[in-house]
Protein backbone atom coordinates (compact mmCIF):
# COMPACT_ATOMS: atom_id res chain seq x y z
CA UNK A 1 -0.01 0.03 -0.06
CA UNK A 2 1.02 3.59 -0.62
CA UNK A 3 1.75 5.86 2.34
CA UNK A 4 1.18 9.10 0.29
CA UNK A 5 -2.08 10.68 -0.61
CA UNK A 6 -3.85 9.43 -3.76
CA UNK A 7 -6.36 11.42 -5.67
CA UNK A 8 -9.10 9.85 -7.77
CA UNK A 9 -11.46 11.69 -9.97
CA UNK A 10 -14.94 10.69 -10.81
CA UNK A 11 -16.44 11.89 -14.12
CA UNK A 12 -20.08 11.55 -13.03
CA UNK A 13 -19.67 14.59 -10.69
CA UNK A 14 -21.52 17.71 -11.19
CA UNK A 15 -18.61 19.91 -9.83
CA UNK A 16 -14.86 19.42 -10.20
CA UNK A 17 -14.22 18.90 -6.52
CA UNK A 18 -17.19 16.55 -5.82
CA UNK A 19 -15.24 13.66 -7.44
CA UNK A 20 -12.13 13.92 -5.25
CA UNK A 21 -11.63 11.59 -2.40
CA UNK A 22 -8.99 11.65 0.24
CA UNK A 23 -8.19 8.54 2.02
CA UNK A 24 -5.52 7.94 4.85
CA UNK A 25 -4.57 4.82 6.81
CA UNK A 26 -3.72 5.04 10.48
CA UNK A 27 -1.89 2.01 11.80
CA UNK A 28 -3.34 0.23 14.76
CA UNK A 29 -0.50 -1.31 17.02
CA UNK A 30 -0.88 -4.30 19.43
CA UNK A 31 0.67 -4.53 22.76
CA UNK A 32 4.13 -5.47 21.41
CA UNK A 33 3.84 -2.40 19.03
CA UNK A 34 3.52 -4.38 15.90
CA UNK A 35 1.03 -3.37 13.28
CA UNK A 36 -2.31 -5.16 13.90
CA UNK A 37 -4.25 -3.39 11.21
CA UNK A 38 -5.24 -0.13 9.76
CA UNK A 39 -8.07 2.38 10.36
CA UNK A 40 -9.17 4.09 7.17
CA UNK A 41 -9.85 7.80 7.44
CA UNK A 42 -11.99 9.58 4.72
CA UNK A 43 -11.90 13.34 4.10
CA UNK A 44 -13.55 15.48 1.53
CA UNK A 45 -10.52 17.96 1.35
CA UNK A 46 -6.68 18.05 1.73
CA UNK A 47 -7.01 19.33 5.37
CA UNK A 48 -5.80 16.96 8.03
CA UNK A 49 -8.92 17.37 10.19
CA UNK A 50 -12.67 17.11 10.27
CA UNK A 51 -14.40 20.47 9.79
CA UNK A 52 -17.74 20.63 11.76
CA UNK A 53 -20.43 22.09 9.31
CA UNK A 54 -22.42 23.78 12.00
CA UNK A 55 -21.44 25.02 15.47
CA UNK A 56 -23.67 22.67 17.34
CA UNK A 57 -21.15 20.96 19.53
CA UNK A 58 -20.13 24.29 21.48
CA UNK A 59 -23.82 25.06 21.87
CA UNK A 60 -24.57 21.57 23.38
CA UNK A 61 -21.82 21.92 25.72
CA UNK A 62 -23.21 25.08 27.41
């Protein structure tokens, strides 16, 4: 597997960015620090975080 970002493009998309998918793999280690598996992480942009679309979380915490 590749450890670098891979871009794919879907021709069925209405907009240019709608077809882009960003996938990363996060290693999961066992107790002896050997790789047990991988968690796949999907993003809709190149940012390395999830952007909360609405500010509902801070309101719920109040």
